[in-house]
PDB file of N, CA and C in Angstrom:
ATOM      1  N   MET A   1       5.840  15.110  16.980  1.00  0.00           N
ATOM      2  CA  MET A   1       6.649  13.942  17.177  1.00  0.00           C
ATOM      3  C   MET A   1       5.974  13.019  18.192  1.00  0.00           C
ATOM      4  N   MET A   2       5.965  11.738  17.869  1.00  0.00           N
ATOM      5  CA  MET A   2       5.302  10.754  18.707  1.00  0.00           C
ATOM      6  C   MET A   2       6.132  10.385  19.910  1.00  0.00           C
ATOM      7  N   ASP A   3       5.485  10.062  20.991  1.00  0.00           N
ATOM      8  CA  ASP A   3       6.109   9.613  22.196  1.00  0.00           C
ATOM      9  C   ASP A   3       6.671   8.226  22.002  1.00  0.00           C
ATOM     10  N   ILE A   4       7.770   7.910  22.676  1.00  0.00           N
ATOM     11  CA  ILE A   4       8.416   6.612  22.570  1.00  0.00           C
ATOM     12  C   ILE A   4       7.440   5.453  22.918  1.00  0.00           C
ATOM     13  N   TRP A   5       6.493   5.721  23.826  1.00  0.00           N
ATOM     14  CA  TRP A   5       5.522   4.698  24.263  1.00  0.00           C
ATOM     15  C   TRP A   5       4.506   4.413  23.184  1.00  0.00           C
ATOM     16  N   VAL A   6       4.415   5.246  22.181  1.00  0.00           N
ATOM     17  CA  VAL A   6       3.543   5.017  21.050  1.00  0.00           C
ATOM     18  C   VAL A   6       4.361   4.463  19.874  1.00  0.00           C
ATOM     19  N   ARG A   7       5.517   5.041  19.623  1.00  0.00           N
ATOM     20  CA  ARG A   7       6.359   4.607  18.520  1.00  0.00           C
ATOM     21  C   ARG A   7       6.813   3.174  18.638  1.00  0.00           C
ATOM     22  N   ALA A   8       7.283   2.778  19.825  1.00  0.00           N
ATOM     23  CA  ALA A   8       7.827   1.445  19.995  1.00  0.00           C
ATOM     24  C   ALA A   8       6.815   0.317  19.725  1.00  0.00           C
ATOM     25  N   PRO A   9       5.596   0.394  20.293  1.00  0.00           N
ATOM     26  CA  PRO A   9       4.629  -0.665  19.998  1.00  0.00           C
ATOM     27  C   PRO A   9       4.178  -0.684  18.545  1.00  0.00           C
ATOM     28  N   LEU A  10       4.039   0.535  17.935  1.00  0.00           N
ATOM     29  CA  LEU A  10       3.671   0.580  16.521  1.00  0.00           C
ATOM     30  C   LEU A  10       4.750  -0.058  15.663  1.00  0.00           C
ATOM     31  N   THR A  11       5.998   0.273  15.928  1.00  0.00           N
ATOM     32  CA  THR A  11       7.099  -0.293  15.137  1.00  0.00           C
ATOM     33  C   THR A  11       7.152  -1.791  15.316  1.00  0.00           C
ATOM     34  N   LEU A  12       7.020  -2.271  16.548  1.00  0.00           N
ATOM     35  CA  LEU A  12       7.055  -3.719  16.786  1.00  0.00           C
ATOM     36  C   LEU A  12       5.851  -4.407  16.095  1.00  0.00           C
ATOM     37  N   GLY A  13       4.691  -3.790  16.131  1.00  0.00           N
ATOM     38  CA  GLY A  13       3.542  -4.356  15.488  1.00  0.00           C
ATOM     39  C   GLY A  13       3.705  -4.456  13.980  1.00  0.00           C
ATOM     40  N   ILE A  14       4.259  -3.399  13.397  1.00  0.00           N
ATOM     41  CA  ILE A  14       4.513  -3.422  11.936  1.00  0.00           C
ATOM     42  C   ILE A  14       5.557  -4.481  11.590  1.00  0.00           C
ATOM     43  N   PHE A  15       6.575  -4.586  12.428  1.00  0.00           N
ATOM     44  CA  PHE A  15       7.594  -5.629  12.179  1.00  0.00           C
ATOM     45  C   PHE A  15       6.981  -7.007  12.199  1.00  0.00           C
ATOM     46  N   ILE A  16       6.155  -7.303  13.193  1.00  0.00           N
ATOM     47  CA  ILE A  16       5.540  -8.610  13.308  1.00  0.00           C
ATOM     48  C   ILE A  16       4.590  -8.853  12.147  1.00  0.00           C
ATOM     49  N   ALA A  17       3.809  -7.849  11.786  1.00  0.00           N
ATOM     50  CA  ALA A  17       2.884  -8.015  10.649  1.00  0.00           C
ATOM     51  C   ALA A  17       3.654  -8.228   9.329  1.00  0.00           C
ATOM     52  N   THR A  18       4.742  -7.495   9.159  1.00  0.00           N
ATOM     53  CA  THR A  18       5.562  -7.637   7.944  1.00  0.00           C
ATOM     54  C   THR A  18       6.177  -9.040   7.896  1.00  0.00           C
ATOM     55  N   LEU A  19       6.717  -9.473   8.993  1.00  0.00           N
ATOM     56  CA  LEU A  19       7.313 -10.813   9.074  1.00  0.00           C
ATOM     57  C   LEU A  19       6.246 -11.878   8.765  1.00  0.00           C
ATOM     58  N   GLY A  20       5.049 -11.683   9.301  1.00  0.00           N
ATOM     59  CA  GLY A  20       3.963 -12.619   9.056  1.00  0.00           C
ATOM     60  C   GLY A  20       3.598 -12.657   7.560  1.00  0.00           C
ATOM     61  N   LEU A  21       3.550 -11.494   6.906  1.00  0.00           N
ATOM     62  CA  LEU A  21       3.261 -11.470   5.469  1.00  0.00           C
ATOM     63  C   LEU A  21       4.370 -12.151   4.661  1.00  0.00           C
ATOM     64  N   ILE A  22       5.590 -11.922   5.058  1.00  0.00           N
ATOM     65  CA  ILE A  22       6.704 -12.512   4.326  1.00  0.00           C
ATOM     66  C   ILE A  22       6.708 -14.036   4.496  1.00  0.00           C
ATOM     67  N   LEU A  23       6.441 -14.535   5.670  1.00  0.00           N
ATOM     68  CA  LEU A  23       6.470 -15.975   5.918  1.00  0.00           C
ATOM     69  C   LEU A  23       5.243 -16.684   5.388  1.00  0.00           C
ATOM     70  N   ARG A  24       4.055 -16.093   5.503  1.00  0.00           N
ATOM     71  CA  ARG A  24       2.807 -16.746   5.077  1.00  0.00           C
ATOM     72  C   ARG A  24       2.567 -16.631   3.578  1.00  0.00           C
ATOM     73  N   ARG A  25       3.047 -15.544   3.001  1.00  0.00           N
ATOM     74  CA  ARG A  25       2.853 -15.292   1.554  1.00  0.00           C
ATOM     75  C   ARG A  25       1.397 -15.508   1.155  1.00  0.00           C
ATOM     76  N   PRO A  26       0.476 -14.632   1.666  1.00  0.00           N
ATOM     77  CA  PRO A  26      -0.933 -14.792   1.337  1.00  0.00           C
ATOM     78  C   PRO A  26      -1.163 -14.652  -0.162  1.00  0.00           C
ATOM     79  N   ARG A  27      -2.034 -15.516  -0.686  1.00  0.00           N
ATOM     80  CA  ARG A  27      -2.411 -15.511  -2.113  1.00  0.00           C
ATOM     81  C   ARG A  27      -1.206 -15.723  -3.010  1.00  0.00           C
ATOM     82  N   GLY A  28      -0.126 -16.314  -2.489  1.00  0.00           N
ATOM     83  CA  GLY A  28       1.054 -16.579  -3.290  1.00  0.00           C
ATOM     84  C   GLY A  28       1.883 -15.326  -3.561  1.00  0.00           C
ATOM     85  N   TRP A  29       1.653 -14.262  -2.813  1.00  0.00           N
ATOM     86  CA  TRP A  29       2.426 -13.041  -3.042  1.00  0.00           C
ATOM     87  C   TRP A  29       3.892 -13.260  -2.823  1.00  0.00           C
ATOM     88  N   ASN A  30       4.685 -12.569  -3.561  1.00  0.00           N
ATOM     89  CA  ASN A  30       6.122 -12.548  -3.383  1.00  0.00           C
ATOM     90  C   ASN A  30       6.459 -11.882  -2.044  1.00  0.00           C
ATOM     91  N   GLU A  31       7.557 -12.305  -1.449  1.00  0.00           N
ATOM     92  CA  GLU A  31       7.972 -11.738  -0.165  1.00  0.00           C
ATOM     93  C   GLU A  31       8.198 -10.213  -0.235  1.00  0.00           C
ATOM     94  N   ALA A  32       8.548  -9.732  -1.398  1.00  0.00           N
ATOM     95  CA  ALA A  32       8.820  -8.293  -1.550  1.00  0.00           C
ATOM     96  C   ALA A  32       7.575  -7.469  -1.269  1.00  0.00           C
ATOM     97  N   TRP A  33       6.383  -7.995  -1.581  1.00  0.00           N
ATOM     98  CA  TRP A  33       5.164  -7.232  -1.324  1.00  0.00           C
ATOM     99  C   TRP A  33       4.934  -7.040   0.187  1.00  0.00           C
ATOM    100  N   GLY A  34       5.257  -8.046   0.978  1.00  0.00           N
ATOM    101  CA  GLY A  34       5.140  -7.895   2.430  1.00  0.00           C
ATOM    102  C   GLY A  34       6.115  -6.870   2.968  1.00  0.00           C
ATOM    103  N   ALA A  35       7.339  -6.917   2.470  1.00  0.00           N
ATOM    104  CA  ALA A  35       8.351  -5.931   2.906  1.00  0.00           C
ATOM    105  C   ALA A  35       7.966  -4.527   2.471  1.00  0.00           C
ATOM    106  N   LEU A  36       7.419  -4.386   1.259  1.00  0.00           N
ATOM    107  CA  LEU A  36       6.975  -3.098   0.786  1.00  0.00           C
ATOM    108  C   LEU A  36       5.822  -2.569   1.612  1.00  0.00           C
ATOM    109  N   ALA A  37       4.902  -3.433   2.002  1.00  0.00           N
ATOM    110  CA  ALA A  37       3.801  -3.019   2.855  1.00  0.00           C
ATOM    111  C   ALA A  37       4.285  -2.511   4.201  1.00  0.00           C
ATOM    112  N   GLY A  38       5.234  -3.217   4.788  1.00  0.00           N
ATOM    113  CA  GLY A  38       5.798  -2.810   6.064  1.00  0.00           C
ATOM    114  C   GLY A  38       6.509  -1.459   5.968  1.00  0.00           C
ATOM    115  N   ALA A  39       7.296  -1.288   4.889  1.00  0.00           N
ATOM    116  CA  ALA A  39       7.998  -0.014   4.697  1.00  0.00           C
ATOM    117  C   ALA A  39       7.003   1.108   4.484  1.00  0.00           C
ATOM    118  N   GLY A  40       5.946   0.844   3.694  1.00  0.00           N
ATOM    119  CA  GLY A  40       4.929   1.852   3.471  1.00  0.00           C
ATOM    120  C   GLY A  40       4.212   2.263   4.739  1.00  0.00           C
ATOM    121  N   ALA A  41       3.923   1.274   5.599  1.00  0.00           N
ATOM    122  CA  ALA A  41       3.255   1.550   6.871  1.00  0.00           C
ATOM    123  C   ALA A  41       4.169   2.420   7.747  1.00  0.00           C
ATOM    124  N   MET A  42       5.459   2.111   7.805  1.00  0.00           N
ATOM    125  CA  MET A  42       6.365   2.916   8.605  1.00  0.00           C
ATOM    126  C   MET A  42       6.428   4.362   8.116  1.00  0.00           C
ATOM    127  N   LEU A  43       6.466   4.536   6.796  1.00  0.00           N
ATOM    128  CA  LEU A  43       6.481   5.897   6.252  1.00  0.00           C
ATOM    129  C   LEU A  43       5.121   6.572   6.438  1.00  0.00           C
ATOM    130  N   ALA A  44       4.033   5.861   6.204  1.00  0.00           N
ATOM    131  CA  ALA A  44       2.720   6.475   6.308  1.00  0.00           C
ATOM    132  C   ALA A  44       2.419   6.932   7.731  1.00  0.00           C
ATOM    133  N   LEU A  45       2.851   6.182   8.718  1.00  0.00           N
ATOM    134  CA  LEU A  45       2.611   6.525  10.100  1.00  0.00           C
ATOM    135  C   LEU A  45       3.633   7.525  10.651  1.00  0.00           C
ATOM    136  N   GLY A  46       4.599   7.907   9.859  1.00  0.00           N
ATOM    137  CA  GLY A  46       5.585   8.878  10.288  1.00  0.00           C
ATOM    138  C   GLY A  46       6.608   8.306  11.274  1.00  0.00           C
ATOM    139  N   LEU A  47       6.755   6.984  11.311  1.00  0.00           N
ATOM    140  CA  LEU A  47       7.726   6.395  12.194  1.00  0.00           C
ATOM    141  C   LEU A  47       9.153   6.571  11.683  1.00  0.00           C
ATOM    142  N   VAL A  48       9.304   6.676  10.388  1.00  0.00           N
ATOM    143  CA  VAL A  48      10.541   7.056   9.723  1.00  0.00           C
ATOM    144  C   VAL A  48      10.224   8.068   8.648  1.00  0.00           C
ATOM    145  N   THR A  49      11.206   8.916   8.315  1.00  0.00           N
ATOM    146  CA  THR A  49      11.004   9.868   7.239  1.00  0.00           C
ATOM    147  C   THR A  49      11.648   9.311   5.964  1.00  0.00           C
ATOM    148  N   TRP A  50      11.274   9.916   4.837  1.00  0.00           N
ATOM    149  CA  TRP A  50      11.890   9.485   3.588  1.00  0.00           C
ATOM    150  C   TRP A  50      13.398   9.658   3.652  1.00  0.00           C
ATOM    151  N   ARG A  51      13.842  10.741   4.273  1.00  0.00           N
ATOM    152  CA  ARG A  51      15.278  11.012   4.371  1.00  0.00           C
ATOM    153  C   ARG A  51      15.979   9.919   5.159  1.00  0.00           C
ATOM    154  N   GLU A  52      15.407   9.507   6.301  1.00  0.00           N
ATOM    155  CA  GLU A  52      15.975   8.438   7.092  1.00  0.00           C
ATOM    156  C   GLU A  52      15.992   7.118   6.318  1.00  0.00           C
ATOM    157  N   ALA A  53      14.957   6.851   5.569  1.00  0.00           N
ATOM    158  CA  ALA A  53      14.899   5.597   4.790  1.00  0.00           C
ATOM    159  C   ALA A  53      15.981   5.603   3.720  1.00  0.00           C
ATOM    160  N   VAL A  54      16.157   6.706   3.019  1.00  0.00           N
ATOM    161  CA  VAL A  54      17.178   6.807   1.979  1.00  0.00           C
ATOM    162  C   VAL A  54      18.562   6.726   2.565  1.00  0.00           C
ATOM    163  N   GLU A  55      18.812   7.428   3.665  1.00  0.00           N
ATOM    164  CA  GLU A  55      20.119   7.415   4.309  1.00  0.00           C
ATOM    165  C   GLU A  55      20.515   6.018   4.791  1.00  0.00           C
ATOM    166  N   THR A  56      19.544   5.304   5.389  1.00  0.00           N
ATOM    167  CA  THR A  56      19.787   3.979   5.903  1.00  0.00           C
ATOM    168  C   THR A  56      20.066   3.020   4.769  1.00  0.00           C
ATOM    169  N   THR A  57      19.329   3.135   3.684  1.00  0.00           N
ATOM    170  CA  THR A  57      19.560   2.307   2.517  1.00  0.00           C
ATOM    171  C   THR A  57      20.928   2.599   1.918  1.00  0.00           C
ATOM    172  N   ALA A  58      21.303   3.853   1.858  1.00  0.00           N
ATOM    173  CA  ALA A  58      22.610   4.234   1.302  1.00  0.00           C
ATOM    174  C   ALA A  58      23.758   3.698   2.172  1.00  0.00           C
ATOM    175  N   ARG A  59      23.577   3.729   3.473  1.00  0.00           N
ATOM    176  CA  ARG A  59      24.612   3.209   4.370  1.00  0.00           C
ATOM    177  C   ARG A  59      24.811   1.677   4.186  1.00  0.00           C
ATOM    178  N   GLY A  60      23.742   0.993   3.914  1.00  0.00           N
ATOM    179  CA  GLY A  60      23.801  -0.471   3.747  1.00  0.00           C
ATOM    180  C   GLY A  60      23.804  -0.891   2.297  1.00  0.00           C
ATOM    181  N   LYS A  61      24.220  -0.004   1.410  1.00  0.00           N
ATOM    182  CA  LYS A  61      24.131  -0.284  -0.029  1.00  0.00           C
ATOM    183  C   LYS A  61      24.922  -1.523  -0.447  1.00  0.00           C
ATOM    184  N   ASP A  62      26.072  -1.776   0.198  1.00  0.00           N
ATOM    185  CA  ASP A  62      26.859  -2.947  -0.148  1.00  0.00           C
ATOM    186  C   ASP A  62      26.027  -4.227   0.129  1.00  0.00           C
ATOM    187  N   ALA A  63      25.421  -4.301   1.295  1.00  0.00           N
ATOM    188  CA  ALA A  63      24.611  -5.464   1.641  1.00  0.00           C
ATOM    189  C   ALA A  63      23.389  -5.588   0.741  1.00  0.00           C
ATOM    190  N   VAL A  64      22.746  -4.447   0.457  1.00  0.00           N
ATOM    191  CA  VAL A  64      21.563  -4.457  -0.397  1.00  0.00           C
ATOM    192  C   VAL A  64      21.928  -4.933  -1.807  1.00  0.00           C
ATOM    193  N   LEU A  65      23.028  -4.430  -2.365  1.00  0.00           N
ATOM    194  CA  LEU A  65      23.455  -4.848  -3.695  1.00  0.00           C
ATOM    195  C   LEU A  65      23.861  -6.309  -3.740  1.00  0.00           C
ATOM    196  N   MET A  66      24.535  -6.800  -2.680  1.00  0.00           N
ATOM    197  CA  MET A  66      24.890  -8.210  -2.631  1.00  0.00           C
ATOM    198  C   MET A  66      23.640  -9.097  -2.604  1.00  0.00           C
ATOM    199  N   LEU A  67      22.645  -8.727  -1.788  1.00  0.00           N
ATOM    200  CA  LEU A  67      21.412  -9.491  -1.730  1.00  0.00           C
ATOM    201  C   LEU A  67      20.653  -9.467  -3.064  1.00  0.00           C
ATOM    202  N   LEU A  68      20.638  -8.325  -3.687  1.00  0.00           N
ATOM    203  CA  LEU A  68      19.994  -8.173  -4.982  1.00  0.00           C
ATOM    204  C   LEU A  68      20.668  -9.061  -6.032  1.00  0.00           C
ATOM    205  N   ALA A  69      22.001  -9.037  -6.054  1.00  0.00           N
ATOM    206  CA  ALA A  69      22.760  -9.884  -6.974  1.00  0.00           C
ATOM    207  C   ALA A  69      22.506 -11.374  -6.695  1.00  0.00           C
ATOM    208  N   LEU A  70      22.458 -11.750  -5.417  1.00  0.00           N
ATOM    209  CA  LEU A  70      22.203 -13.141  -5.036  1.00  0.00           C
ATOM    210  C   LEU A  70      20.810 -13.560  -5.486  1.00  0.00           C
ATOM    211  N   LEU A  71      19.837 -12.714  -5.301  1.00  0.00           N
ATOM    212  CA  LEU A  71      18.455 -13.028  -5.737  1.00  0.00           C
ATOM    213  C   LEU A  71      18.379 -13.178  -7.252  1.00  0.00           C
ATOM    214  N   CYS A  72      19.052 -12.266  -7.977  1.00  0.00           N
ATOM    215  CA  CYS A  72      19.062 -12.371  -9.449  1.00  0.00           C
ATOM    216  C   CYS A  72      19.744 -13.656  -9.903  1.00  0.00           C
ATOM    217  N   LEU A  73      20.872 -13.976  -9.288  1.00  0.00           N
ATOM    218  CA  LEU A  73      21.615 -15.180  -9.643  1.00  0.00           C
ATOM    219  C   LEU A  73      20.787 -16.439  -9.372  1.00  0.00           C
ATOM    220  N   SER A  74      20.137 -16.486  -8.217  1.00  0.00           N
ATOM    221  CA  SER A  74      19.320 -17.673  -7.904  1.00  0.00           C
ATOM    222  C   SER A  74      18.144 -17.777  -8.843  1.00  0.00           C
ATOM    223  N   ALA A  75      17.573 -16.674  -9.292  1.00  0.00           N
ATOM    224  CA  ALA A  75      16.441 -16.716 -10.221  1.00  0.00           C
ATOM    225  C   ALA A  75      16.901 -17.258 -11.577  1.00  0.00           C
ATOM    226  N   VAL A  76      18.080 -16.845 -12.037  1.00  0.00           N
ATOM    227  CA  VAL A  76      18.614 -17.316 -13.301  1.00  0.00           C
ATOM    228  C   VAL A  76      18.930 -18.800 -13.221  1.00  0.00           C
ATOM    229  N   ILE A  77      19.571 -19.220 -12.107  1.00  0.00           N
ATOM    230  CA  ILE A  77      19.917 -20.621 -11.924  1.00  0.00           C
ATOM    231  C   ILE A  77      18.666 -21.463 -11.815  1.00  0.00           C
ATOM    232  N   GLY A  78      17.651 -20.957 -11.091  1.00  0.00           N
ATOM    233  CA  GLY A  78      16.382 -21.684 -10.971  1.00  0.00           C
ATOM    234  C   GLY A  78      15.704 -21.842 -12.324  1.00  0.00           C
ATOM    235  N   ALA A  79      15.695 -20.815 -13.135  1.00  0.00           N
ATOM    236  CA  ALA A  79      15.079 -20.871 -14.444  1.00  0.00           C
ATOM    237  C   ALA A  79      15.803 -21.855 -15.366  1.00  0.00           C
ATOM    238  N   SER A  80      17.080 -22.060 -15.132  1.00  0.00           N
ATOM    239  CA  SER A  80      17.858 -22.976 -15.959  1.00  0.00           C
ATOM    240  C   SER A  80      17.545 -24.444 -15.620  1.00  0.00           C
ATOM    241  N   GLY A  81      16.880 -24.681 -14.481  1.00  0.00           N
ATOM    242  CA  GLY A  81      16.570 -26.046 -14.091  1.00  0.00           C
ATOM    243  C   GLY A  81      17.633 -26.695 -13.241  1.00  0.00           C
ATOM    244  N   PHE A  82      18.644 -25.964 -12.845  1.00  0.00           N
ATOM    245  CA  PHE A  82      19.725 -26.533 -12.057  1.00  0.00           C
ATOM    246  C   PHE A  82      19.245 -27.114 -10.746  1.00  0.00           C
ATOM    247  N   PHE A  83      18.380 -26.395 -10.038  1.00  0.00           N
ATOM    248  CA  PHE A  83      17.948 -26.844  -8.745  1.00  0.00           C
ATOM    249  C   PHE A  83      17.127 -28.134  -8.870  1.00  0.00           C
ATOM    250  N   ASP A  84      16.334 -28.256  -9.917  1.00  0.00           N
ATOM    251  CA  ASP A  84      15.571 -29.482 -10.126  1.00  0.00           C
ATOM    252  C   ASP A  84      16.542 -30.644 -10.401  1.00  0.00           C
ATOM    253  N   TRP A  85      17.512 -30.383 -11.230  1.00  0.00           N
ATOM    254  CA  TRP A  85      18.531 -31.386 -11.537  1.00  0.00           C
ATOM    255  C   TRP A  85      19.299 -31.807 -10.296  1.00  0.00           C
ATOM    256  N   ALA A  86      19.712 -30.821  -9.487  1.00  0.00           N
ATOM    257  CA  ALA A  86      20.499 -31.093  -8.265  1.00  0.00           C
ATOM    258  C   ALA A  86      19.624 -31.873  -7.288  1.00  0.00           C
ATOM    259  N   GLY A  87      18.348 -31.600  -7.216  1.00  0.00           N
ATOM    260  CA  GLY A  87      17.467 -32.329  -6.329  1.00  0.00           C
ATOM    261  C   GLY A  87      17.308 -33.809  -6.733  1.00  0.00           C
ATOM    262  N   ILE A  88      17.347 -34.068  -7.997  1.00  0.00           N
ATOM    263  CA  ILE A  88      17.248 -35.448  -8.471  1.00  0.00           C
ATOM    264  C   ILE A  88      18.573 -36.180  -8.275  1.00  0.00           C
ATOM    265  N   VAL A  89      19.675 -35.537  -8.602  1.00  0.00           N
ATOM    266  CA  VAL A  89      20.973 -36.194  -8.549  1.00  0.00           C
ATOM    267  C   VAL A  89      21.442 -36.380  -7.100  1.00  0.00           C
ATOM    268  N   CYS A  90      21.201 -35.413  -6.262  1.00  0.00           N
ATOM    269  CA  CYS A  90      21.754 -35.505  -4.875  1.00  0.00           C
ATOM    270  C   CYS A  90      20.842 -36.257  -4.009  1.00  0.00           C
TER     271      CYS A  90
END
């Protein structure tokens, strides 16, 4: 088990790097790839276990499902051209 003085800076560093990937979107990558890289780094370095990751996701399943539904809805609406139309009209 890692000492708190090692875990905390590693976790903060991964968070900052993940946020940077999400905001900068290098090579036009989707934001999900940055989040996946951050999660993979946390798991690979042993900062969280698979069990902790699954339990945390299960506890927040309502929020995760709502965000997933919102992303799907916005993708469908975007594909329909509504946002382009609304930008012209408004």
